[in-house]
């Protein structure tokens, strides 16, 4: 077992259920709704939360999944609104041809494939934080975004949490569950660092 993953899980396991629900919900909301939350390892947190729910009977997995899906959904909604209300007016004031061309390309992309992009982005660390505000800036159809956001929140939020829950419930998987959690944590952090280092200066 990874020492880091074991410590991560141990910290969760000592929390009261109500505190756990609030903490996980807050982390998911910040990572998906606020730009500065891009560094948070959402995948690993969801997986570890599922492990804790399986190991401790006082944590209701149905309630935990509901909180996570709701936080993921409303987080993306906030990100979209920030992009539409704050980001787009700011960019519209820029007279740079390069900026205007970027806006046009983004609008074309979100018009053609934005629905699938919003869903797929859920499963990529760092990217899932920035796709909603960019969709808002690009004036993606609100109802298309709404449906894609809901489906993505369910697939990602419920899917990874339940993967952790059932991994801990199956004896033949339990021995490697912490290694899987450690992998998620490490991959999320490394991905955030790599993508941040590659951003335009």
N, C-alpha and C. Protein backbone atom coordinates (compact mmCIF):
# COMPACT_ATOMS: atom_id res chain seq x y z
N UNK A 1 0.83 -1.20 0.00
CA UNK A 1 0.00 0.00 0.00
C UNK A 1 0.87 1.24 0.00
N UNK A 2 0.52 2.19 -0.82
CA UNK A 2 1.24 3.46 -0.83
C UNK A 2 1.03 4.19 0.49
N UNK A 3 2.12 4.67 1.06
CA UNK A 3 2.03 5.40 2.33
C UNK A 3 1.18 6.65 2.18
N UNK A 4 1.34 7.32 1.02
CA UNK A 4 0.60 8.55 0.78
C UNK A 4 -0.89 8.25 0.67
N UNK A 5 -1.24 7.20 -0.07
CA UNK A 5 -2.64 6.86 -0.24
C UNK A 5 -3.25 6.41 1.08
N UNK A 6 -2.47 5.64 1.86
CA UNK A 6 -2.96 5.17 3.15
C UNK A 6 -3.23 6.34 4.08
N UNK A 7 -2.34 7.32 4.07
CA UNK A 7 -2.52 8.51 4.90
C UNK A 7 -3.74 9.30 4.44
N UNK A 8 -3.90 9.42 3.12
CA UNK A 8 -5.03 10.14 2.54
C UNK A 8 -6.34 9.50 2.97
N UNK A 9 -6.40 8.19 2.88
CA UNK A 9 -7.61 7.46 3.26
C UNK A 9 -7.84 7.54 4.76
N UNK A 10 -6.75 7.47 5.54
CA UNK A 10 -6.86 7.52 7.00
C UNK A 10 -7.45 8.84 7.45
N UNK A 11 -7.06 9.92 6.82
CA UNK A 11 -7.59 11.24 7.18
C UNK A 11 -9.08 11.32 6.91
N UNK A 12 -9.52 10.76 5.79
CA UNK A 12 -10.95 10.76 5.48
C UNK A 12 -11.72 9.90 6.48
N UNK A 13 -11.13 8.76 6.84
CA UNK A 13 -11.86 7.79 7.66
C UNK A 13 -12.12 8.30 9.08
N UNK A 14 -11.38 9.29 9.53
CA UNK A 14 -11.57 9.81 10.88
C UNK A 14 -12.63 10.91 10.93
N UNK A 15 -13.13 11.34 9.79
CA UNK A 15 -14.11 12.42 9.75
C UNK A 15 -15.51 11.90 10.05
N UNK A 16 -16.32 12.73 10.72
CA UNK A 16 -17.72 12.41 10.91
C UNK A 16 -18.40 12.42 9.55
N UNK A 17 -19.43 11.58 9.33
CA UNK A 17 -20.07 11.51 8.02
C UNK A 17 -20.52 12.87 7.48
N UNK A 18 -21.16 13.69 8.33
CA UNK A 18 -21.64 14.99 7.87
C UNK A 18 -20.48 15.85 7.39
N UNK A 19 -19.38 15.84 8.14
CA UNK A 19 -18.20 16.62 7.76
C UNK A 19 -17.62 16.09 6.45
N UNK A 20 -17.62 14.77 6.29
CA UNK A 20 -17.10 14.16 5.07
C UNK A 20 -17.91 14.60 3.85
N UNK A 21 -19.24 14.58 3.97
CA UNK A 21 -20.09 15.00 2.86
C UNK A 21 -19.80 16.46 2.47
N UNK A 22 -19.71 17.32 3.49
CA UNK A 22 -19.47 18.75 3.22
C UNK A 22 -18.09 18.96 2.61
N UNK A 23 -17.08 18.29 3.14
CA UNK A 23 -15.71 18.45 2.66
C UNK A 23 -15.56 17.98 1.22
N UNK A 24 -16.07 16.79 0.93
CA UNK A 24 -15.97 16.25 -0.43
C UNK A 24 -16.74 17.13 -1.40
N UNK A 25 -17.95 17.53 -1.00
CA UNK A 25 -18.76 18.39 -1.85
C UNK A 25 -18.07 19.71 -2.15
N UNK A 26 -17.43 20.29 -1.12
CA UNK A 26 -16.74 21.57 -1.30
C UNK A 26 -15.55 21.43 -2.23
N UNK A 27 -14.79 20.36 -2.07
CA UNK A 27 -13.61 20.13 -2.93
C UNK A 27 -14.03 19.97 -4.38
N UNK A 28 -15.07 19.17 -4.62
CA UNK A 28 -15.54 18.94 -5.99
C UNK A 28 -16.07 20.24 -6.59
N UNK A 29 -16.81 21.00 -5.80
CA UNK A 29 -17.36 22.27 -6.31
C UNK A 29 -16.25 23.24 -6.68
N UNK A 30 -15.25 23.37 -5.81
CA UNK A 30 -14.14 24.29 -6.08
C UNK A 30 -13.36 23.86 -7.31
N UNK A 31 -13.09 22.55 -7.42
CA UNK A 31 -12.28 22.08 -8.55
C UNK A 31 -13.01 22.29 -9.87
N UNK A 32 -14.32 22.11 -9.89
CA UNK A 32 -15.07 22.20 -11.14
C UNK A 32 -15.61 23.60 -11.42
N UNK A 33 -15.76 24.42 -10.38
CA UNK A 33 -16.40 25.70 -10.58
C UNK A 33 -15.52 26.93 -10.52
N UNK A 34 -14.38 26.82 -9.84
CA UNK A 34 -13.51 27.98 -9.64
C UNK A 34 -12.15 27.71 -10.26
N UNK A 35 -11.64 28.63 -11.03
CA UNK A 35 -10.42 28.41 -11.80
C UNK A 35 -9.22 28.05 -10.93
N UNK A 36 -9.14 28.61 -9.73
CA UNK A 36 -7.97 28.33 -8.89
C UNK A 36 -7.99 26.92 -8.31
N UNK A 37 -9.08 26.17 -8.53
CA UNK A 37 -9.16 24.81 -8.00
C UNK A 37 -8.65 23.75 -8.95
N UNK A 38 -8.01 24.17 -10.06
CA UNK A 38 -7.59 23.21 -11.08
C UNK A 38 -6.59 22.18 -10.56
N UNK A 39 -5.85 22.54 -9.50
CA UNK A 39 -4.78 21.66 -9.01
C UNK A 39 -5.32 20.54 -8.12
N UNK A 40 -6.56 20.61 -7.71
CA UNK A 40 -7.11 19.60 -6.79
C UNK A 40 -7.27 18.25 -7.50
N UNK A 41 -6.83 17.17 -6.87
CA UNK A 41 -6.92 15.84 -7.49
C UNK A 41 -8.30 15.22 -7.31
N UNK A 42 -9.27 15.71 -8.08
CA UNK A 42 -10.65 15.29 -7.91
C UNK A 42 -10.88 13.80 -8.07
N UNK A 43 -10.27 13.18 -9.07
CA UNK A 43 -10.46 11.74 -9.30
C UNK A 43 -10.08 10.92 -8.08
N UNK A 44 -8.92 11.20 -7.54
CA UNK A 44 -8.43 10.42 -6.40
C UNK A 44 -9.27 10.66 -5.16
N UNK A 45 -9.76 11.89 -5.00
CA UNK A 45 -10.59 12.21 -3.85
C UNK A 45 -11.91 11.44 -3.92
N UNK A 46 -12.51 11.37 -5.09
CA UNK A 46 -13.75 10.63 -5.26
C UNK A 46 -13.54 9.14 -5.01
N UNK A 47 -12.46 8.61 -5.56
CA UNK A 47 -12.17 7.19 -5.39
C UNK A 47 -11.94 6.87 -3.92
N UNK A 48 -11.17 7.70 -3.24
CA UNK A 48 -10.89 7.49 -1.83
C UNK A 48 -12.14 7.64 -0.98
N UNK A 49 -13.02 8.56 -1.36
CA UNK A 49 -14.28 8.72 -0.63
C UNK A 49 -15.11 7.44 -0.75
N UNK A 50 -15.08 6.82 -1.93
CA UNK A 50 -15.78 5.56 -2.10
C UNK A 50 -15.20 4.46 -1.24
N UNK A 51 -13.88 4.44 -1.13
CA UNK A 51 -13.22 3.46 -0.27
C UNK A 51 -13.65 3.63 1.18
N UNK A 52 -13.69 4.88 1.63
CA UNK A 52 -14.08 5.17 3.02
C UNK A 52 -15.53 4.76 3.27
N UNK A 53 -16.41 5.04 2.31
CA UNK A 53 -17.82 4.68 2.46
C UNK A 53 -17.99 3.17 2.58
N UNK A 54 -17.17 2.41 1.86
CA UNK A 54 -17.25 0.95 1.92
C UNK A 54 -16.70 0.41 3.23
N UNK A 55 -15.69 1.09 3.77
CA UNK A 55 -15.04 0.61 4.98
C UNK A 55 -15.76 1.01 6.25
N UNK A 56 -16.59 2.07 6.17
CA UNK A 56 -17.26 2.57 7.37
C UNK A 56 -18.76 2.64 7.12
N UNK A 57 -19.50 1.82 7.87
CA UNK A 57 -20.94 1.71 7.67
C UNK A 57 -21.72 2.97 7.96
N UNK A 58 -21.12 3.92 8.69
CA UNK A 58 -21.86 5.14 9.01
C UNK A 58 -21.86 6.16 7.88
N UNK A 59 -21.13 5.87 6.80
CA UNK A 59 -21.12 6.74 5.63
C UNK A 59 -22.09 6.17 4.60
N UNK A 60 -23.14 6.93 4.28
CA UNK A 60 -24.16 6.48 3.34
C UNK A 60 -23.68 6.74 1.92
N UNK A 61 -23.45 5.68 1.17
CA UNK A 61 -22.89 5.82 -0.18
C UNK A 61 -23.86 6.55 -1.11
N UNK A 62 -25.17 6.32 -0.93
CA UNK A 62 -26.15 6.99 -1.79
C UNK A 62 -26.13 8.50 -1.55
N UNK A 63 -26.07 8.89 -0.28
CA UNK A 63 -26.02 10.32 0.04
C UNK A 63 -24.70 10.93 -0.42
N UNK A 64 -23.61 10.20 -0.25
CA UNK A 64 -22.30 10.68 -0.67
C UNK A 64 -22.28 10.93 -2.18
N UNK A 65 -22.79 9.97 -2.95
CA UNK A 65 -22.82 10.12 -4.41
C UNK A 65 -23.72 11.29 -4.81
N UNK A 66 -24.85 11.44 -4.13
CA UNK A 66 -25.75 12.55 -4.43
C UNK A 66 -25.07 13.90 -4.22
N UNK A 67 -24.35 14.02 -3.09
CA UNK A 67 -23.64 15.26 -2.79
C UNK A 67 -22.58 15.55 -3.85
N UNK A 68 -21.84 14.52 -4.24
CA UNK A 68 -20.77 14.68 -5.22
C UNK A 68 -21.32 15.09 -6.58
N UNK A 69 -22.36 14.40 -7.03
CA UNK A 69 -22.96 14.72 -8.33
C UNK A 69 -23.52 16.15 -8.32
N UNK A 70 -24.18 16.53 -7.23
CA UNK A 70 -24.73 17.88 -7.14
C UNK A 70 -23.62 18.93 -7.15
N UNK A 71 -22.55 18.67 -6.40
CA UNK A 71 -21.43 19.62 -6.35
C UNK A 71 -20.77 19.74 -7.71
N UNK A 72 -20.61 18.62 -8.40
CA UNK A 72 -20.00 18.64 -9.73
C UNK A 72 -20.89 19.39 -10.72
N UNK A 73 -22.19 19.17 -10.63
CA UNK A 73 -23.12 19.83 -11.54
C UNK A 73 -23.14 21.34 -11.32
N UNK A 74 -23.33 21.76 -10.08
CA UNK A 74 -23.41 23.19 -9.80
C UNK A 74 -22.06 23.89 -9.96
N UNK A 75 -20.98 23.15 -9.76
CA UNK A 75 -19.66 23.72 -9.99
C UNK A 75 -19.49 24.12 -11.44
N UNK A 76 -19.86 23.22 -12.35
CA UNK A 76 -19.76 23.52 -13.78
C UNK A 76 -20.70 24.64 -14.18
N UNK A 77 -21.87 24.67 -13.56
CA UNK A 77 -22.81 25.74 -13.87
C UNK A 77 -22.23 27.10 -13.50
N UNK A 78 -21.59 27.17 -12.34
CA UNK A 78 -20.97 28.42 -11.91
C UNK A 78 -19.85 28.82 -12.87
N UNK A 79 -19.03 27.83 -13.26
CA UNK A 79 -17.95 28.11 -14.20
C UNK A 79 -18.48 28.65 -15.51
N UNK A 80 -19.58 28.07 -16.00
CA UNK A 80 -20.18 28.52 -17.26
C UNK A 80 -20.67 29.96 -17.14
N UNK A 81 -21.35 30.26 -16.03
CA UNK A 81 -21.88 31.61 -15.84
C UNK A 81 -20.75 32.63 -15.72
N UNK A 82 -19.68 32.27 -15.02
CA UNK A 82 -18.53 33.17 -14.91
C UNK A 82 -17.97 33.49 -16.29
N UNK A 83 -17.84 32.46 -17.12
CA UNK A 83 -17.34 32.67 -18.47
C UNK A 83 -18.26 33.54 -19.30
N UNK A 84 -19.57 33.32 -19.19
CA UNK A 84 -20.55 34.06 -19.99
C UNK A 84 -20.69 35.51 -19.51
N UNK A 85 -20.75 35.70 -18.18
CA UNK A 85 -21.05 37.03 -17.63
C UNK A 85 -19.81 37.89 -17.46
N UNK A 86 -18.69 37.26 -17.11
CA UNK A 86 -17.46 38.02 -16.83
C UNK A 86 -16.45 37.90 -17.97
N UNK A 87 -16.17 36.67 -18.38
CA UNK A 87 -15.14 36.44 -19.39
C UNK A 87 -15.45 36.99 -20.76
N UNK A 88 -16.67 36.76 -21.24
CA UNK A 88 -17.01 37.19 -22.60
C UNK A 88 -17.03 38.72 -22.74
N UNK A 89 -17.65 39.47 -21.84
CA UNK A 89 -17.61 40.93 -21.97
C UNK A 89 -16.19 41.48 -21.94
N UNK A 90 -15.34 40.84 -21.13
CA UNK A 90 -13.94 41.30 -21.05
C UNK A 90 -13.24 41.10 -22.39
N UNK A 91 -13.41 39.92 -22.99
CA UNK A 91 -12.75 39.62 -24.26
C UNK A 91 -13.34 40.44 -25.41
N UNK A 92 -14.64 40.73 -25.33
CA UNK A 92 -15.27 41.52 -26.40
C UNK A 92 -14.71 42.93 -26.47
N UNK A 93 -14.15 43.39 -25.36
CA UNK A 93 -13.57 44.73 -25.33
C UNK A 93 -12.17 44.77 -25.95
N UNK A 94 -11.60 43.57 -26.12
CA UNK A 94 -10.27 43.50 -26.72
C UNK A 94 -10.38 43.62 -28.23
N UNK A 95 -9.61 44.51 -28.79
CA UNK A 95 -9.69 44.74 -30.23
C UNK A 95 -8.67 43.92 -31.02
N UNK A 96 -7.87 43.14 -30.32
CA UNK A 96 -6.87 42.33 -30.98
C UNK A 96 -7.52 41.34 -31.94
N UNK A 97 -7.01 41.28 -33.17
CA UNK A 97 -7.53 40.34 -34.15
C UNK A 97 -7.28 38.90 -33.71
N UNK A 98 -6.18 38.69 -33.02
CA UNK A 98 -5.86 37.34 -32.53
C UNK A 98 -6.90 36.88 -31.53
N UNK A 99 -7.27 37.77 -30.61
CA UNK A 99 -8.27 37.42 -29.60
C UNK A 99 -9.61 37.14 -30.26
N UNK A 100 -10.00 37.98 -31.19
CA UNK A 100 -11.28 37.80 -31.87
C UNK A 100 -11.30 36.50 -32.68
N UNK A 101 -10.16 36.16 -33.26
CA UNK A 101 -10.08 34.90 -34.01
C UNK A 101 -10.20 33.71 -33.07
N UNK A 102 -9.59 33.80 -31.90
CA UNK A 102 -9.69 32.73 -30.91
C UNK A 102 -11.13 32.55 -30.46
N UNK A 103 -11.83 33.66 -30.25
CA UNK A 103 -13.23 33.59 -29.85
C UNK A 103 -14.07 32.92 -30.94
N UNK A 104 -13.82 33.31 -32.18
CA UNK A 104 -14.56 32.73 -33.30
C UNK A 104 -14.32 31.23 -33.41
N UNK A 105 -13.07 30.81 -33.27
CA UNK A 105 -12.74 29.39 -33.34
C UNK A 105 -13.38 28.62 -32.19
N UNK A 106 -13.38 29.22 -31.00
CA UNK A 106 -13.98 28.57 -29.84
C UNK A 106 -15.48 28.43 -30.03
N UNK A 107 -16.12 29.46 -30.55
CA UNK A 107 -17.55 29.40 -30.80
C UNK A 107 -17.89 28.29 -31.79
N UNK A 108 -17.07 28.19 -32.83
CA UNK A 108 -17.30 27.16 -33.85
C UNK A 108 -17.13 25.76 -33.24
N UNK A 109 -16.09 25.61 -32.41
CA UNK A 109 -15.83 24.31 -31.79
C UNK A 109 -16.98 23.90 -30.88
N UNK A 110 -17.41 24.82 -30.02
CA UNK A 110 -18.47 24.48 -29.07
C UNK A 110 -19.82 24.31 -29.74
N UNK A 111 -20.00 24.94 -30.88
CA UNK A 111 -21.23 24.74 -31.63
C UNK A 111 -21.28 23.35 -32.24
N UNK A 112 -20.12 22.86 -32.71
CA UNK A 112 -20.07 21.58 -33.41
C UNK A 112 -19.88 20.39 -32.46
N UNK A 113 -18.95 20.50 -31.53
CA UNK A 113 -18.62 19.35 -30.67
C UNK A 113 -18.61 19.68 -29.18
N UNK A 114 -19.15 20.82 -28.82
CA UNK A 114 -19.09 21.24 -27.42
C UNK A 114 -19.80 20.31 -26.46
N UNK A 115 -20.93 19.72 -26.90
CA UNK A 115 -21.69 18.83 -26.01
C UNK A 115 -20.84 17.66 -25.55
N UNK A 116 -20.15 17.04 -26.50
CA UNK A 116 -19.28 15.90 -26.14
C UNK A 116 -18.06 16.37 -25.37
N UNK A 117 -17.55 17.54 -25.69
CA UNK A 117 -16.36 18.06 -25.01
C UNK A 117 -16.62 18.29 -23.53
N UNK A 118 -17.79 18.80 -23.21
CA UNK A 118 -18.14 19.06 -21.81
C UNK A 118 -18.19 17.76 -21.02
N UNK A 119 -18.74 16.72 -21.62
CA UNK A 119 -18.81 15.42 -20.94
C UNK A 119 -17.42 14.81 -20.79
N UNK A 120 -16.67 14.77 -21.89
CA UNK A 120 -15.34 14.15 -21.87
C UNK A 120 -14.38 14.87 -20.93
N UNK A 121 -14.50 16.18 -20.84
CA UNK A 121 -13.58 16.98 -20.02
C UNK A 121 -13.62 16.57 -18.56
N UNK A 122 -14.75 16.03 -18.12
CA UNK A 122 -14.88 15.60 -16.73
C UNK A 122 -13.77 14.63 -16.31
N UNK A 123 -13.31 13.84 -17.25
CA UNK A 123 -12.38 12.76 -16.91
C UNK A 123 -10.92 13.14 -17.10
N UNK A 124 -10.67 14.43 -17.31
CA UNK A 124 -9.30 14.89 -17.49
C UNK A 124 -8.97 15.97 -16.46
N UNK A 125 -8.05 15.67 -15.55
CA UNK A 125 -7.66 16.67 -14.56
C UNK A 125 -7.21 17.95 -15.24
N UNK A 126 -7.44 19.06 -14.60
CA UNK A 126 -7.09 20.40 -15.07
C UNK A 126 -8.04 20.87 -16.16
N UNK A 127 -8.26 20.03 -17.17
CA UNK A 127 -9.12 20.43 -18.28
C UNK A 127 -10.55 20.65 -17.80
N UNK A 128 -11.04 19.78 -16.90
CA UNK A 128 -12.43 19.89 -16.46
C UNK A 128 -12.72 21.21 -15.73
N UNK A 129 -11.67 21.85 -15.21
CA UNK A 129 -11.86 23.13 -14.53
C UNK A 129 -12.07 24.26 -15.52
N UNK A 130 -11.42 24.18 -16.68
CA UNK A 130 -11.42 25.30 -17.62
C UNK A 130 -12.46 25.20 -18.74
N UNK A 131 -12.96 24.00 -18.99
CA UNK A 131 -13.93 23.84 -20.08
C UNK A 131 -15.23 24.62 -19.82
N UNK A 132 -15.84 24.57 -18.64
CA UNK A 132 -17.09 25.31 -18.43
C UNK A 132 -16.99 26.81 -18.68
N UNK A 133 -15.98 27.52 -18.10
CA UNK A 133 -15.92 28.96 -18.39
C UNK A 133 -15.64 29.26 -19.86
N UNK A 134 -14.85 28.40 -20.52
CA UNK A 134 -14.59 28.60 -21.95
C UNK A 134 -15.87 28.39 -22.75
N UNK A 135 -16.68 27.41 -22.32
CA UNK A 135 -17.98 27.19 -22.97
C UNK A 135 -18.86 28.42 -22.80
N UNK A 136 -18.79 29.03 -21.62
CA UNK A 136 -19.57 30.24 -21.39
C UNK A 136 -19.08 31.39 -22.22
N UNK A 137 -17.77 31.55 -22.30
CA UNK A 137 -17.18 32.61 -23.13
C UNK A 137 -17.57 32.42 -24.59
N UNK A 138 -17.63 31.18 -25.02
CA UNK A 138 -17.94 30.87 -26.41
C UNK A 138 -19.43 30.91 -26.72
N UNK A 139 -20.23 31.25 -25.70
CA UNK A 139 -21.68 31.35 -25.85
C UNK A 139 -22.28 30.05 -26.35
N UNK A 140 -21.80 28.94 -25.80
CA UNK A 140 -22.40 27.65 -26.11
C UNK A 140 -23.87 27.68 -25.70
N UNK A 141 -24.71 27.04 -26.47
CA UNK A 141 -26.13 26.97 -26.14
C UNK A 141 -26.32 26.48 -24.71
N UNK A 142 -27.04 27.26 -23.92
CA UNK A 142 -27.16 26.96 -22.49
C UNK A 142 -27.76 25.59 -22.23
N UNK A 143 -28.78 25.23 -22.98
CA UNK A 143 -29.46 23.97 -22.71
C UNK A 143 -28.62 22.77 -23.13
N UNK A 144 -27.81 22.96 -24.17
CA UNK A 144 -26.87 21.89 -24.53
C UNK A 144 -25.85 21.71 -23.42
N UNK A 145 -25.34 22.82 -22.90
CA UNK A 145 -24.38 22.74 -21.81
C UNK A 145 -25.02 22.11 -20.59
N UNK A 146 -26.25 22.49 -20.29
CA UNK A 146 -26.95 21.97 -19.12
C UNK A 146 -27.07 20.46 -19.16
N UNK A 147 -27.48 19.93 -20.31
CA UNK A 147 -27.64 18.48 -20.42
C UNK A 147 -26.30 17.76 -20.37
N UNK A 148 -25.29 18.31 -21.06
CA UNK A 148 -23.96 17.69 -21.05
C UNK A 148 -23.36 17.75 -19.65
N UNK A 149 -23.58 18.84 -18.96
CA UNK A 149 -23.08 19.00 -17.59
C UNK A 149 -23.70 17.95 -16.67
N UNK A 150 -25.00 17.75 -16.78
CA UNK A 150 -25.69 16.79 -15.93
C UNK A 150 -25.20 15.37 -16.18
N UNK A 151 -25.09 14.99 -17.46
CA UNK A 151 -24.62 13.65 -17.79
C UNK A 151 -23.18 13.45 -17.34
N UNK A 152 -22.34 14.45 -17.59
CA UNK A 152 -20.94 14.35 -17.17
C UNK A 152 -20.79 14.25 -15.67
N UNK A 153 -21.60 15.02 -14.93
CA UNK A 153 -21.53 14.99 -13.46
C UNK A 153 -21.90 13.61 -12.93
N UNK A 154 -22.91 12.99 -13.54
CA UNK A 154 -23.33 11.66 -13.09
C UNK A 154 -22.28 10.61 -13.44
N UNK A 155 -21.81 10.62 -14.69
CA UNK A 155 -20.83 9.62 -15.12
C UNK A 155 -19.54 9.72 -14.33
N UNK A 156 -19.05 10.95 -14.16
CA UNK A 156 -17.78 11.15 -13.45
C UNK A 156 -17.95 11.04 -11.94
N UNK A 157 -18.86 11.82 -11.39
CA UNK A 157 -19.02 11.85 -9.93
C UNK A 157 -19.46 10.53 -9.35
N UNK A 158 -20.52 9.97 -9.91
CA UNK A 158 -21.02 8.70 -9.41
C UNK A 158 -20.11 7.55 -9.82
N UNK A 159 -19.61 7.60 -11.05
CA UNK A 159 -18.81 6.49 -11.57
C UNK A 159 -17.54 6.23 -10.78
N UNK A 160 -16.74 7.26 -10.55
CA UNK A 160 -15.47 7.07 -9.86
C UNK A 160 -15.69 6.77 -8.37
N UNK A 161 -16.68 7.42 -7.76
CA UNK A 161 -16.97 7.16 -6.35
C UNK A 161 -17.42 5.72 -6.14
N UNK A 162 -18.30 5.25 -7.01
CA UNK A 162 -18.78 3.87 -6.90
C UNK A 162 -17.67 2.87 -7.24
N UNK A 163 -16.74 3.26 -8.12
CA UNK A 163 -15.60 2.38 -8.42
C UNK A 163 -14.79 2.15 -7.15
N UNK A 164 -14.55 3.21 -6.39
CA UNK A 164 -13.83 3.07 -5.13
C UNK A 164 -14.62 2.26 -4.13
N UNK A 165 -15.92 2.48 -4.08
CA UNK A 165 -16.79 1.76 -3.13
C UNK A 165 -16.78 0.26 -3.39
N UNK A 166 -16.97 -0.12 -4.65
CA UNK A 166 -17.03 -1.55 -4.98
C UNK A 166 -15.64 -2.19 -5.01
N UNK A 167 -14.61 -1.39 -5.26
CA UNK A 167 -13.25 -1.93 -5.21
C UNK A 167 -12.94 -2.39 -3.80
N UNK A 168 -13.38 -1.63 -2.81
CA UNK A 168 -13.12 -2.00 -1.42
C UNK A 168 -14.02 -3.14 -0.96
N UNK A 169 -15.14 -3.33 -1.66
CA UNK A 169 -16.09 -4.38 -1.27
C UNK A 169 -15.71 -5.75 -1.82
N UNK A 170 -14.92 -5.79 -2.89
CA UNK A 170 -14.53 -7.05 -3.50
C UNK A 170 -13.18 -7.50 -2.96
N UNK A 171 -13.11 -8.66 -2.31
CA UNK A 171 -11.86 -9.13 -1.70
C UNK A 171 -10.68 -9.16 -2.66
N UNK A 172 -10.91 -9.61 -3.88
CA UNK A 172 -9.78 -9.75 -4.83
C UNK A 172 -9.31 -8.40 -5.36
N UNK A 173 -10.12 -7.36 -5.17
CA UNK A 173 -9.72 -6.03 -5.61
C UNK A 173 -9.18 -5.21 -4.44
N UNK A 174 -9.62 -5.54 -3.24
CA UNK A 174 -9.29 -4.73 -2.06
C UNK A 174 -7.79 -4.58 -1.86
N UNK A 175 -7.03 -5.61 -2.19
CA UNK A 175 -5.58 -5.56 -1.97
C UNK A 175 -4.90 -4.50 -2.82
N UNK A 176 -5.51 -4.16 -3.97
CA UNK A 176 -4.89 -3.17 -4.85
C UNK A 176 -5.63 -1.84 -4.87
N UNK A 177 -6.67 -1.71 -4.06
CA UNK A 177 -7.49 -0.50 -4.11
C UNK A 177 -6.71 0.75 -3.72
N UNK A 178 -5.84 0.62 -2.73
CA UNK A 178 -5.07 1.78 -2.30
C UNK A 178 -4.03 2.17 -3.35
N UNK A 179 -3.50 1.17 -4.04
CA UNK A 179 -2.55 1.47 -5.11
C UNK A 179 -3.25 2.23 -6.23
N UNK A 180 -4.50 1.85 -6.51
CA UNK A 180 -5.27 2.55 -7.54
C UNK A 180 -5.54 3.98 -7.11
N UNK A 181 -5.90 4.17 -5.83
CA UNK A 181 -6.13 5.52 -5.32
C UNK A 181 -4.86 6.35 -5.42
N UNK A 182 -3.73 5.73 -5.09
CA UNK A 182 -2.45 6.45 -5.17
C UNK A 182 -2.15 6.83 -6.61
N UNK A 183 -2.49 5.93 -7.54
CA UNK A 183 -2.27 6.24 -8.96
C UNK A 183 -3.09 7.46 -9.38
N UNK A 184 -4.37 7.49 -8.98
CA UNK A 184 -5.22 8.63 -9.31
C UNK A 184 -4.64 9.92 -8.75
N UNK A 185 -4.21 9.88 -7.50
CA UNK A 185 -3.66 11.08 -6.86
C UNK A 185 -2.43 11.55 -7.62
N UNK A 186 -1.50 10.63 -7.85
CA UNK A 186 -0.25 10.99 -8.52
C UNK A 186 -0.49 11.49 -9.94
N UNK A 187 -1.34 10.79 -10.69
CA UNK A 187 -1.62 11.18 -12.07
C UNK A 187 -2.27 12.56 -12.13
N UNK A 188 -3.18 12.85 -11.19
CA UNK A 188 -3.87 14.14 -11.19
C UNK A 188 -2.89 15.27 -10.92
N UNK A 189 -2.03 15.08 -9.92
CA UNK A 189 -1.07 16.12 -9.56
C UNK A 189 -0.07 16.36 -10.68
N UNK A 190 0.47 15.26 -11.25
CA UNK A 190 1.45 15.38 -12.33
C UNK A 190 0.82 16.06 -13.55
N UNK A 191 -0.41 15.67 -13.88
CA UNK A 191 -1.10 16.27 -15.02
C UNK A 191 -1.27 17.77 -14.84
N UNK A 192 -1.65 18.18 -13.63
CA UNK A 192 -1.83 19.61 -13.36
C UNK A 192 -0.52 20.36 -13.51
N UNK A 193 0.57 19.77 -13.00
CA UNK A 193 1.88 20.42 -13.07
C UNK A 193 2.36 20.53 -14.51
N UNK A 194 2.22 19.45 -15.27
CA UNK A 194 2.67 19.43 -16.66
C UNK A 194 1.90 20.44 -17.50
N UNK A 195 0.57 20.43 -17.35
CA UNK A 195 -0.24 21.36 -18.13
C UNK A 195 0.02 22.80 -17.74
N UNK A 196 0.25 23.03 -16.46
CA UNK A 196 0.54 24.40 -16.02
C UNK A 196 1.87 24.87 -16.60
N UNK A 197 2.87 23.96 -16.66
CA UNK A 197 4.18 24.35 -17.18
C UNK A 197 4.15 24.60 -18.68
N UNK A 198 3.16 24.02 -19.38
CA UNK A 198 3.08 24.18 -20.83
C UNK A 198 2.22 25.37 -21.25
N UNK A 199 1.59 26.04 -20.32
CA UNK A 199 0.73 27.16 -20.70
C UNK A 199 1.55 28.27 -21.34
N UNK A 200 0.95 29.04 -22.22
CA UNK A 200 1.66 30.15 -22.87
C UNK A 200 2.15 31.17 -21.86
N UNK A 201 3.36 31.63 -22.03
CA UNK A 201 3.95 32.64 -21.12
C UNK A 201 3.62 34.03 -21.60
